[in-house]
mmCIF file of all heavy atoms, coordinates in Angstrom:
data_MODEL
# 
_entry.id   MODEL 
# 
loop_
_atom_site.group_PDB 
_atom_site.id 
_atom_site.type_symbol 
_atom_site.label_atom_id 
_atom_site.label_alt_id 
_atom_site.label_comp_id 
_atom_site.label_asym_id 
_atom_site.label_entity_id 
_atom_site.label_seq_id 
_atom_site.pdbx_PDB_ins_code 
_atom_site.Cartn_x 
_atom_site.Cartn_y 
_atom_site.Cartn_z 
_atom_site.occupancy 
_atom_site.B_iso_or_equiv 
_atom_site.pdbx_formal_charge 
_atom_site.auth_seq_id 
_atom_site.auth_comp_id 
_atom_site.auth_asym_id 
_atom_site.auth_atom_id 
_atom_site.pdbx_PDB_model_num 
ATOM 1   N N   . TYR A 1 1  ? -13.175 0.823  0.760   1.00 0.00 ? 1  TYR A N   1 
ATOM 2   C CA  . TYR A 1 1  ? -12.425 1.690  1.661   1.00 0.00 ? 1  TYR A CA  1 
ATOM 3   C C   . TYR A 1 1  ? -10.960 1.260  1.757   1.00 0.00 ? 1  TYR A C   1 
ATOM 4   O O   . TYR A 1 1  ? -10.170 1.917  2.434   1.00 0.00 ? 1  TYR A O   1 
ATOM 5   C CB  . TYR A 1 1  ? -13.054 1.675  3.064   1.00 0.00 ? 1  TYR A CB  1 
ATOM 6   C CG  . TYR A 1 1  ? -14.449 2.252  3.104   1.00 0.00 ? 1  TYR A CG  1 
ATOM 7   C CD1 . TYR A 1 1  ? -15.563 1.425  2.990   1.00 0.00 ? 1  TYR A CD1 1 
ATOM 8   C CD2 . TYR A 1 1  ? -14.660 3.622  3.254   1.00 0.00 ? 1  TYR A CD2 1 
ATOM 9   C CE1 . TYR A 1 1  ? -16.853 1.951  3.022   1.00 0.00 ? 1  TYR A CE1 1 
ATOM 10  C CE2 . TYR A 1 1  ? -15.943 4.153  3.296   1.00 0.00 ? 1  TYR A CE2 1 
ATOM 11  C CZ  . TYR A 1 1  ? -17.036 3.315  3.176   1.00 0.00 ? 1  TYR A CZ  1 
ATOM 12  O OH  . TYR A 1 1  ? -18.302 3.836  3.200   1.00 0.00 ? 1  TYR A OH  1 
ATOM 13  N N   . GLU A 1 2  ? -10.605 0.159  1.123   1.00 0.00 ? 2  GLU A N   1 
ATOM 14  C CA  . GLU A 1 2  ? -9.240  -0.367 1.181   1.00 0.00 ? 2  GLU A CA  1 
ATOM 15  C C   . GLU A 1 2  ? -8.411  0.086  -0.014  1.00 0.00 ? 2  GLU A C   1 
ATOM 16  O O   . GLU A 1 2  ? -8.945  0.371  -1.087  1.00 0.00 ? 2  GLU A O   1 
ATOM 17  C CB  . GLU A 1 2  ? -9.250  -1.899 1.202   1.00 0.00 ? 2  GLU A CB  1 
ATOM 18  C CG  . GLU A 1 2  ? -9.806  -2.511 2.450   1.00 0.00 ? 2  GLU A CG  1 
ATOM 19  C CD  . GLU A 1 2  ? -9.610  -4.018 2.470   1.00 0.00 ? 2  GLU A CD  1 
ATOM 20  O OE1 . GLU A 1 2  ? -8.496  -4.490 2.140   1.00 0.00 ? 2  GLU A OE1 1 
ATOM 21  O OE2 . GLU A 1 2  ? -10.567 -4.729 2.806   1.00 0.00 ? 2  GLU A OE2 1 
ATOM 22  N N   . MET A 1 3  ? -7.106  0.080  0.154   1.00 0.00 ? 3  MET A N   1 
ATOM 23  C CA  . MET A 1 3  ? -6.202  0.336  -0.951  1.00 0.00 ? 3  MET A CA  1 
ATOM 24  C C   . MET A 1 3  ? -6.446  -0.642 -2.095  1.00 0.00 ? 3  MET A C   1 
ATOM 25  O O   . MET A 1 3  ? -6.829  -1.790 -1.877  1.00 0.00 ? 3  MET A O   1 
ATOM 26  C CB  . MET A 1 3  ? -4.743  0.185  -0.501  1.00 0.00 ? 3  MET A CB  1 
ATOM 27  C CG  . MET A 1 3  ? -4.154  1.383  0.184   1.00 0.00 ? 3  MET A CG  1 
ATOM 28  S SD  . MET A 1 3  ? -2.363  1.183  0.482   1.00 0.00 ? 3  MET A SD  1 
ATOM 29  C CE  . MET A 1 3  ? -2.360  0.039  1.858   1.00 0.00 ? 3  MET A CE  1 
ATOM 30  N N   . ASP A 1 4  ? -6.159  -0.191 -3.301  1.00 0.00 ? 4  ASP A N   1 
ATOM 31  C CA  . ASP A 1 4  ? -6.107  -1.072 -4.463  1.00 0.00 ? 4  ASP A CA  1 
ATOM 32  C C   . ASP A 1 4  ? -4.754  -1.783 -4.400  1.00 0.00 ? 4  ASP A C   1 
ATOM 33  O O   . ASP A 1 4  ? -3.702  -1.153 -4.548  1.00 0.00 ? 4  ASP A O   1 
ATOM 34  C CB  . ASP A 1 4  ? -6.231  -0.249 -5.751  1.00 0.00 ? 4  ASP A CB  1 
ATOM 35  C CG  . ASP A 1 4  ? -6.271  -1.116 -7.000  1.00 0.00 ? 4  ASP A CG  1 
ATOM 36  O OD1 . ASP A 1 4  ? -5.519  -2.108 -7.058  1.00 0.00 ? 4  ASP A OD1 1 
ATOM 37  O OD2 . ASP A 1 4  ? -7.031  -0.781 -7.926  1.00 0.00 ? 4  ASP A OD2 1 
ATOM 38  N N   . TYR A 1 5  ? -4.770  -3.094 -4.162  1.00 0.00 ? 5  TYR A N   1 
ATOM 39  C CA  . TYR A 1 5  ? -3.515  -3.795 -3.906  1.00 0.00 ? 5  TYR A CA  1 
ATOM 40  C C   . TYR A 1 5  ? -2.676  -3.989 -5.167  1.00 0.00 ? 5  TYR A C   1 
ATOM 41  O O   . TYR A 1 5  ? -1.455  -4.181 -5.077  1.00 0.00 ? 5  TYR A O   1 
ATOM 42  C CB  . TYR A 1 5  ? -3.791  -5.102 -3.176  1.00 0.00 ? 5  TYR A CB  1 
ATOM 43  C CG  . TYR A 1 5  ? -4.431  -4.829 -1.824  1.00 0.00 ? 5  TYR A CG  1 
ATOM 44  C CD1 . TYR A 1 5  ? -5.665  -5.365 -1.483  1.00 0.00 ? 5  TYR A CD1 1 
ATOM 45  C CD2 . TYR A 1 5  ? -3.813  -3.967 -0.914  1.00 0.00 ? 5  TYR A CD2 1 
ATOM 46  C CE1 . TYR A 1 5  ? -6.265  -5.071 -0.256  1.00 0.00 ? 5  TYR A CE1 1 
ATOM 47  C CE2 . TYR A 1 5  ? -4.397  -3.666 0.295   1.00 0.00 ? 5  TYR A CE2 1 
ATOM 48  C CZ  . TYR A 1 5  ? -5.623  -4.224 0.617   1.00 0.00 ? 5  TYR A CZ  1 
ATOM 49  O OH  . TYR A 1 5  ? -6.205  -3.912 1.827   1.00 0.00 ? 5  TYR A OH  1 
ATOM 50  N N   . GLU A 1 6  ? -3.288  -3.906 -6.350  1.00 0.00 ? 6  GLU A N   1 
ATOM 51  C CA  . GLU A 1 6  ? -2.494  -3.897 -7.582  1.00 0.00 ? 6  GLU A CA  1 
ATOM 52  C C   . GLU A 1 6  ? -1.713  -2.586 -7.677  1.00 0.00 ? 6  GLU A C   1 
ATOM 53  O O   . GLU A 1 6  ? -0.541  -2.582 -8.050  1.00 0.00 ? 6  GLU A O   1 
ATOM 54  C CB  . GLU A 1 6  ? -3.405  -4.079 -8.798  1.00 0.00 ? 6  GLU A CB  1 
ATOM 55  C CG  . GLU A 1 6  ? -4.003  -5.474 -8.917  1.00 0.00 ? 6  GLU A CG  1 
ATOM 56  C CD  . GLU A 1 6  ? -4.820  -5.640 -10.181 1.00 0.00 ? 6  GLU A CD  1 
ATOM 57  O OE1 . GLU A 1 6  ? -4.842  -4.705 -11.022 1.00 0.00 ? 6  GLU A OE1 1 
ATOM 58  O OE2 . GLU A 1 6  ? -5.437  -6.713 -10.341 1.00 0.00 ? 6  GLU A OE2 1 
ATOM 59  N N   . LYS A 1 7  ? -2.369  -1.498 -7.318  1.00 0.00 ? 7  LYS A N   1 
ATOM 60  C CA  . LYS A 1 7  ? -1.677  -0.198 -7.319  1.00 0.00 ? 7  LYS A CA  1 
ATOM 61  C C   . LYS A 1 7  ? -0.615  -0.140 -6.222  1.00 0.00 ? 7  LYS A C   1 
ATOM 62  O O   . LYS A 1 7  ? 0.427   0.508  -6.387  1.00 0.00 ? 7  LYS A O   1 
ATOM 63  C CB  . LYS A 1 7  ? -2.689  0.938  -7.156  1.00 0.00 ? 7  LYS A CB  1 
ATOM 64  C CG  . LYS A 1 7  ? -3.545  1.198  -8.387  1.00 0.00 ? 7  LYS A CG  1 
ATOM 65  C CD  . LYS A 1 7  ? -4.420  2.408  -8.187  1.00 0.00 ? 7  LYS A CD  1 
ATOM 66  C CE  . LYS A 1 7  ? -5.109  2.846  -9.490  1.00 0.00 ? 7  LYS A CE  1 
ATOM 67  N NZ  . LYS A 1 7  ? -6.056  1.883  -9.999  1.00 0.00 ? 7  LYS A NZ  1 
ATOM 68  N N   . LEU A 1 8  ? -0.877  -0.805 -5.101  1.00 0.00 ? 8  LEU A N   1 
ATOM 69  C CA  . LEU A 1 8  ? 0.137   -0.900 -4.051  1.00 0.00 ? 8  LEU A CA  1 
ATOM 70  C C   . LEU A 1 8  ? 1.392   -1.557 -4.597  1.00 0.00 ? 8  LEU A C   1 
ATOM 71  O O   . LEU A 1 8  ? 2.515   -1.055 -4.401  1.00 0.00 ? 8  LEU A O   1 
ATOM 72  C CB  . LEU A 1 8  ? -0.401  -1.702 -2.862  1.00 0.00 ? 8  LEU A CB  1 
ATOM 73  C CG  . LEU A 1 8  ? 0.622   -2.118 -1.802  1.00 0.00 ? 8  LEU A CG  1 
ATOM 74  C CD1 . LEU A 1 8  ? 1.250   -0.900 -1.126  1.00 0.00 ? 8  LEU A CD1 1 
ATOM 75  C CD2 . LEU A 1 8  ? -0.019  -3.030 -0.750  1.00 0.00 ? 8  LEU A CD2 1 
ATOM 76  N N   . ALA A 1 9  ? 1.229   -2.665 -5.301  1.00 0.00 ? 9  ALA A N   1 
ATOM 77  C CA  . ALA A 1 9  ? 2.377   -3.379 -5.864  1.00 0.00 ? 9  ALA A CA  1 
ATOM 78  C C   . ALA A 1 9  ? 3.156   -2.484 -6.829  1.00 0.00 ? 9  ALA A C   1 
ATOM 79  O O   . ALA A 1 9  ? 4.398   -2.478 -6.833  1.00 0.00 ? 9  ALA A O   1 
ATOM 80  C CB  . ALA A 1 9  ? 1.908   -4.648 -6.569  1.00 0.00 ? 9  ALA A CB  1 
ATOM 81  N N   . GLU A 1 10 ? 2.424   -1.710 -7.635  1.00 0.00 ? 10 GLU A N   1 
ATOM 82  C CA  . GLU A 1 10 ? 3.064   -0.826 -8.608  1.00 0.00 ? 10 GLU A CA  1 
ATOM 83  C C   . GLU A 1 10 ? 3.851   0.297  -7.930  1.00 0.00 ? 10 GLU A C   1 
ATOM 84  O O   . GLU A 1 10 ? 4.841   0.794  -8.490  1.00 0.00 ? 10 GLU A O   1 
ATOM 85  C CB  . GLU A 1 10 ? 2.007   -0.215 -9.535  1.00 0.00 ? 10 GLU A CB  1 
ATOM 86  C CG  . GLU A 1 10 ? 1.331   -1.236 -10.447 1.00 0.00 ? 10 GLU A CG  1 
ATOM 87  C CD  . GLU A 1 10 ? 0.104   -0.664 -11.145 1.00 0.00 ? 10 GLU A CD  1 
ATOM 88  O OE1 . GLU A 1 10 ? -0.185  0.541  -10.947 1.00 0.00 ? 10 GLU A OE1 1 
ATOM 89  O OE2 . GLU A 1 10 ? -0.568  -1.418 -11.868 1.00 0.00 ? 10 GLU A OE2 1 
ATOM 90  N N   . ALA A 1 11 ? 3.432   0.683  -6.730  1.00 0.00 ? 11 ALA A N   1 
ATOM 91  C CA  . ALA A 1 11 ? 4.070   1.816  -6.045  1.00 0.00 ? 11 ALA A CA  1 
ATOM 92  C C   . ALA A 1 11 ? 5.350   1.436  -5.308  1.00 0.00 ? 11 ALA A C   1 
ATOM 93  O O   . ALA A 1 11 ? 6.125   2.311  -4.906  1.00 0.00 ? 11 ALA A O   1 
ATOM 94  C CB  . ALA A 1 11 ? 3.081   2.437  -5.055  1.00 0.00 ? 11 ALA A CB  1 
ATOM 95  N N   . ILE A 1 12 ? 5.594   0.150  -5.123  1.00 0.00 ? 12 ILE A N   1 
ATOM 96  C CA  . ILE A 1 12 ? 6.748   -0.303 -4.344  1.00 0.00 ? 12 ILE A CA  1 
ATOM 97  C C   . ILE A 1 12 ? 8.021   -0.244 -5.188  1.00 0.00 ? 12 ILE A C   1 
ATOM 98  O O   . ILE A 1 12 ? 8.041   -0.694 -6.332  1.00 0.00 ? 12 ILE A O   1 
ATOM 99  C CB  . ILE A 1 12 ? 6.511   -1.734 -3.821  1.00 0.00 ? 12 ILE A CB  1 
ATOM 100 C CG1 . ILE A 1 12 ? 5.356   -1.747 -2.818  1.00 0.00 ? 12 ILE A CG1 1 
ATOM 101 C CG2 . ILE A 1 12 ? 7.782   -2.293 -3.173  1.00 0.00 ? 12 ILE A CG2 1 
ATOM 102 C CD1 . ILE A 1 12 ? 4.874   -3.143 -2.448  1.00 0.00 ? 12 ILE A CD1 1 
ATOM 103 N N   . ASN A 1 13 ? 9.075   0.315  -4.592  1.00 0.00 ? 13 ASN A N   1 
ATOM 104 C CA  . ASN A 1 13 ? 10.384  0.339  -5.251  1.00 0.00 ? 13 ASN A CA  1 
ATOM 105 C C   . ASN A 1 13 ? 11.480  0.083  -4.215  1.00 0.00 ? 13 ASN A C   1 
ATOM 106 O O   . ASN A 1 13 ? 11.175  -0.275 -3.068  1.00 0.00 ? 13 ASN A O   1 
ATOM 107 C CB  . ASN A 1 13 ? 10.602  1.668  -5.985  1.00 0.00 ? 13 ASN A CB  1 
ATOM 108 C CG  . ASN A 1 13 ? 10.540  2.870  -5.049  1.00 0.00 ? 13 ASN A CG  1 
ATOM 109 O OD1 . ASN A 1 13 ? 11.116  2.864  -3.957  1.00 0.00 ? 13 ASN A OD1 1 
ATOM 110 N ND2 . ASN A 1 13 ? 9.841   3.917  -5.474  1.00 0.00 ? 13 ASN A ND2 1 
ATOM 111 N N   . GLU A 1 14 ? 12.724  0.271  -4.600  1.00 0.00 ? 14 GLU A N   1 
ATOM 112 C CA  . GLU A 1 14 ? 13.842  -0.042 -3.704  1.00 0.00 ? 14 GLU A CA  1 
ATOM 113 C C   . GLU A 1 14 ? 13.935  0.898  -2.509  1.00 0.00 ? 14 GLU A C   1 
ATOM 114 O O   . GLU A 1 14 ? 14.638  0.596  -1.535  1.00 0.00 ? 14 GLU A O   1 
ATOM 115 C CB  . GLU A 1 14 ? 15.159  -0.023 -4.483  1.00 0.00 ? 14 GLU A CB  1 
ATOM 116 C CG  . GLU A 1 14 ? 15.279  -1.161 -5.499  1.00 0.00 ? 14 GLU A CG  1 
ATOM 117 C CD  . GLU A 1 14 ? 16.618  -1.187 -6.202  1.00 0.00 ? 14 GLU A CD  1 
ATOM 118 O OE1 . GLU A 1 14 ? 17.360  -0.178 -6.092  1.00 0.00 ? 14 GLU A OE1 1 
ATOM 119 O OE2 . GLU A 1 14 ? 16.938  -2.202 -6.847  1.00 0.00 ? 14 GLU A OE2 1 
ATOM 120 N N   . ASN A 1 15 ? 13.234  2.020  -2.560  1.00 0.00 ? 15 ASN A N   1 
ATOM 121 C CA  . ASN A 1 15 ? 13.243  2.955  -1.434  1.00 0.00 ? 15 ASN A CA  1 
ATOM 122 C C   . ASN A 1 15 ? 12.109  2.696  -0.438  1.00 0.00 ? 15 ASN A C   1 
ATOM 123 O O   . ASN A 1 15 ? 12.104  3.288  0.639   1.00 0.00 ? 15 ASN A O   1 
ATOM 124 C CB  . ASN A 1 15 ? 13.136  4.392  -1.944  1.00 0.00 ? 15 ASN A CB  1 
ATOM 125 C CG  . ASN A 1 15 ? 14.321  4.797  -2.794  1.00 0.00 ? 15 ASN A CG  1 
ATOM 126 O OD1 . ASN A 1 15 ? 15.454  4.451  -2.477  1.00 0.00 ? 15 ASN A OD1 1 
ATOM 127 N ND2 . ASN A 1 15 ? 14.063  5.511  -3.884  1.00 0.00 ? 15 ASN A ND2 1 
ATOM 128 N N   . THR A 1 16 ? 11.175  1.831  -0.823  1.00 0.00 ? 16 THR A N   1 
ATOM 129 C CA  . THR A 1 16 ? 10.007  1.589  0.031   1.00 0.00 ? 16 THR A CA  1 
ATOM 130 C C   . THR A 1 16 ? 10.400  0.753  1.242   1.00 0.00 ? 16 THR A C   1 
ATOM 131 O O   . THR A 1 16 ? 11.000  -0.308 1.110   1.00 0.00 ? 16 THR A O   1 
ATOM 132 C CB  . THR A 1 16 ? 8.901   0.852  -0.750  1.00 0.00 ? 16 THR A CB  1 
ATOM 133 O OG1 . THR A 1 16 ? 8.636   1.540  -1.970  1.00 0.00 ? 16 THR A OG1 1 
ATOM 134 C CG2 . THR A 1 16 ? 7.627   0.785  0.080   1.00 0.00 ? 16 THR A CG2 1 
ATOM 135 N N   . LYS A 1 17 ? 10.054  1.254  2.411   1.00 0.00 ? 17 LYS A N   1 
ATOM 136 C CA  . LYS A 1 17 ? 10.371  0.531  3.644   1.00 0.00 ? 17 LYS A CA  1 
ATOM 137 C C   . LYS A 1 17 ? 9.127   0.018  4.365   1.00 0.00 ? 17 LYS A C   1 
ATOM 138 O O   . LYS A 1 17 ? 9.169   -1.034 5.003   1.00 0.00 ? 17 LYS A O   1 
ATOM 139 C CB  . LYS A 1 17 ? 11.156  1.450  4.603   1.00 0.00 ? 17 LYS A CB  1 
ATOM 140 C CG  . LYS A 1 17 ? 12.554  1.801  4.119   1.00 0.00 ? 17 LYS A CG  1 
ATOM 141 C CD  . LYS A 1 17 ? 13.444  0.571  4.050   1.00 0.00 ? 17 LYS A CD  1 
ATOM 142 C CE  . LYS A 1 17 ? 14.902  0.926  3.793   1.00 0.00 ? 17 LYS A CE  1 
ATOM 143 N NZ  . LYS A 1 17 ? 15.129  1.436  2.430   1.00 0.00 ? 17 LYS A NZ  1 
ATOM 144 N N   . VAL A 1 18 ? 8.019   0.775  4.283   1.00 0.00 ? 18 VAL A N   1 
ATOM 145 C CA  . VAL A 1 18 ? 6.835   0.457  5.083   1.00 0.00 ? 18 VAL A CA  1 
ATOM 146 C C   . VAL A 1 18 ? 5.576   0.679  4.254   1.00 0.00 ? 18 VAL A C   1 
ATOM 147 O O   . VAL A 1 18 ? 5.503   1.613  3.450   1.00 0.00 ? 18 VAL A O   1 
ATOM 148 C CB  . VAL A 1 18 ? 6.779   1.347  6.353   1.00 0.00 ? 18 VAL A CB  1 
ATOM 149 C CG1 . VAL A 1 18 ? 5.445   1.184  7.096   1.00 0.00 ? 18 VAL A CG1 1 
ATOM 150 C CG2 . VAL A 1 18 ? 7.948   1.032  7.286   1.00 0.00 ? 18 VAL A CG2 1 
ATOM 151 N N   . VAL A 1 19 ? 4.589   -0.179 4.466   1.00 0.00 ? 19 VAL A N   1 
ATOM 152 C CA  . VAL A 1 19 ? 3.235   0.064  3.971   1.00 0.00 ? 19 VAL A CA  1 
ATOM 153 C C   . VAL A 1 19 ? 2.310   0.116  5.181   1.00 0.00 ? 19 VAL A C   1 
ATOM 154 O O   . VAL A 1 19 ? 2.435   -0.689 6.111   1.00 0.00 ? 19 VAL A O   1 
ATOM 155 C CB  . VAL A 1 19 ? 2.777   -1.006 2.963   1.00 0.00 ? 19 VAL A CB  1 
ATOM 156 C CG1 . VAL A 1 19 ? 2.821   -2.405 3.558   1.00 0.00 ? 19 VAL A CG1 1 
ATOM 157 C CG2 . VAL A 1 19 ? 1.364   -0.711 2.460   1.00 0.00 ? 19 VAL A CG2 1 
ATOM 158 N N   . ILE A 1 20 ? 1.398   1.101  5.184   1.00 0.00 ? 20 ILE A N   1 
ATOM 159 C CA  . ILE A 1 20 ? 0.478   1.281  6.302   1.00 0.00 ? 20 ILE A CA  1 
ATOM 160 C C   . ILE A 1 20 ? -0.956  1.076  5.811   1.00 0.00 ? 20 ILE A C   1 
ATOM 161 O O   . ILE A 1 20 ? -1.583  2.014  5.305   1.00 0.00 ? 20 ILE A O   1 
ATOM 162 C CB  . ILE A 1 20 ? 0.615   2.675  6.943   1.00 0.00 ? 20 ILE A CB  1 
ATOM 163 C CG1 . ILE A 1 20 ? 2.072   2.973  7.315   1.00 0.00 ? 20 ILE A CG1 1 
ATOM 164 C CG2 . ILE A 1 20 ? -0.279  2.773  8.179   1.00 0.00 ? 20 ILE A CG2 1 
ATOM 165 C CD1 . ILE A 1 20 ? 2.291   4.368  7.904   1.00 0.00 ? 20 ILE A CD1 1 
ATOM 166 N N   . PRO A 1 21 ? -1.500  -0.133 5.931   1.00 0.00 ? 21 PRO A N   1 
ATOM 167 C CA  . PRO A 1 21 ? -2.926  -0.325 5.648   1.00 0.00 ? 21 PRO A CA  1 
ATOM 168 C C   . PRO A 1 21 ? -3.758  0.249  6.790   1.00 0.00 ? 21 PRO A C   1 
ATOM 169 O O   . PRO A 1 21 ? -3.262  0.396  7.921   1.00 0.00 ? 21 PRO A O   1 
ATOM 170 C CB  . PRO A 1 21 ? -3.071  -1.845 5.562   1.00 0.00 ? 21 PRO A CB  1 
ATOM 171 C CG  . PRO A 1 21 ? -1.928  -2.386 6.353   1.00 0.00 ? 21 PRO A CG  1 
ATOM 172 C CD  . PRO A 1 21 ? -0.832  -1.365 6.319   1.00 0.00 ? 21 PRO A CD  1 
ATOM 173 N N   . VAL A 1 22 ? -5.008  0.585  6.505   1.00 0.00 ? 22 VAL A N   1 
ATOM 174 C CA  . VAL A 1 22 ? -5.867  1.248  7.487   1.00 0.00 ? 22 VAL A CA  1 
ATOM 175 C C   . VAL A 1 22 ? -7.160  0.464  7.652   1.00 0.00 ? 22 VAL A C   1 
ATOM 176 O O   . VAL A 1 22 ? -7.914  0.282  6.693   1.00 0.00 ? 22 VAL A O   1 
ATOM 177 C CB  . VAL A 1 22 ? -6.185  2.698  7.054   1.00 0.00 ? 22 VAL A CB  1 
ATOM 178 C CG1 . VAL A 1 22 ? -6.931  3.425  8.168   1.00 0.00 ? 22 VAL A CG1 1 
ATOM 179 C CG2 . VAL A 1 22 ? -4.914  3.451  6.676   1.00 0.00 ? 22 VAL A CG2 1 
ATOM 180 N N   . ASP A 1 23 ? -7.424  0.018  8.874   1.00 0.00 ? 23 ASP A N   1 
ATOM 181 C CA  . ASP A 1 23 ? -8.644  -0.749 9.181   1.00 0.00 ? 23 ASP A CA  1 
ATOM 182 C C   . ASP A 1 23 ? -9.792  0.212  9.475   1.00 0.00 ? 23 ASP A C   1 
ATOM 183 O O   . ASP A 1 23 ? -10.246 0.368  10.620  1.00 0.00 ? 23 ASP A O   1 
ATOM 184 C CB  . ASP A 1 23 ? -8.405  -1.673 10.381  1.00 0.00 ? 23 ASP A CB  1 
ATOM 185 C CG  . ASP A 1 23 ? -7.309  -2.692 10.133  1.00 0.00 ? 23 ASP A CG  1 
ATOM 186 O OD1 . ASP A 1 23 ? -7.117  -3.097 8.976   1.00 0.00 ? 23 ASP A OD1 1 
ATOM 187 O OD2 . ASP A 1 23 ? -6.641  -3.083 11.104  1.00 0.00 ? 23 ASP A OD2 1 
ATOM 188 N N   . ILE A 1 24 ? -10.285 0.872  8.431   1.00 0.00 ? 24 ILE A N   1 
ATOM 189 C CA  . ILE A 1 24 ? -11.290 1.920  8.598   1.00 0.00 ? 24 ILE A CA  1 
ATOM 190 C C   . ILE A 1 24 ? -12.597 1.345  9.153   1.00 0.00 ? 24 ILE A C   1 
ATOM 191 O O   . ILE A 1 24 ? -13.082 0.313  8.691   1.00 0.00 ? 24 ILE A O   1 
ATOM 192 C CB  . ILE A 1 24 ? -11.547 2.637  7.259   1.00 0.00 ? 24 ILE A CB  1 
ATOM 193 C CG1 . ILE A 1 24 ? -10.296 3.412  6.835   1.00 0.00 ? 24 ILE A CG1 1 
ATOM 194 C CG2 . ILE A 1 24 ? -12.744 3.580  7.370   1.00 0.00 ? 24 ILE A CG2 1 
ATOM 195 C CD1 . ILE A 1 24 ? -10.420 4.103  5.500   1.00 0.00 ? 24 ILE A CD1 1 
ATOM 196 N N   . GLY A 1 25 ? -13.131 2.028  10.143  1.00 0.00 ? 25 GLY A N   1 
ATOM 197 C CA  . GLY A 1 25 ? -14.403 1.628  10.733  1.00 0.00 ? 25 GLY A CA  1 
ATOM 198 C C   . GLY A 1 25 ? -14.321 0.398  11.614  1.00 0.00 ? 25 GLY A C   1 
ATOM 199 O O   . GLY A 1 25 ? -15.339 -0.087 12.110  1.00 0.00 ? 25 GLY A O   1 
# 
């Protein structure tokens, strides 16, 4: 149910300011 943290790293660029993880359940 969690983000793929390798894909999270790939998505980050110079415009990224915030990441919102979700504690589902």
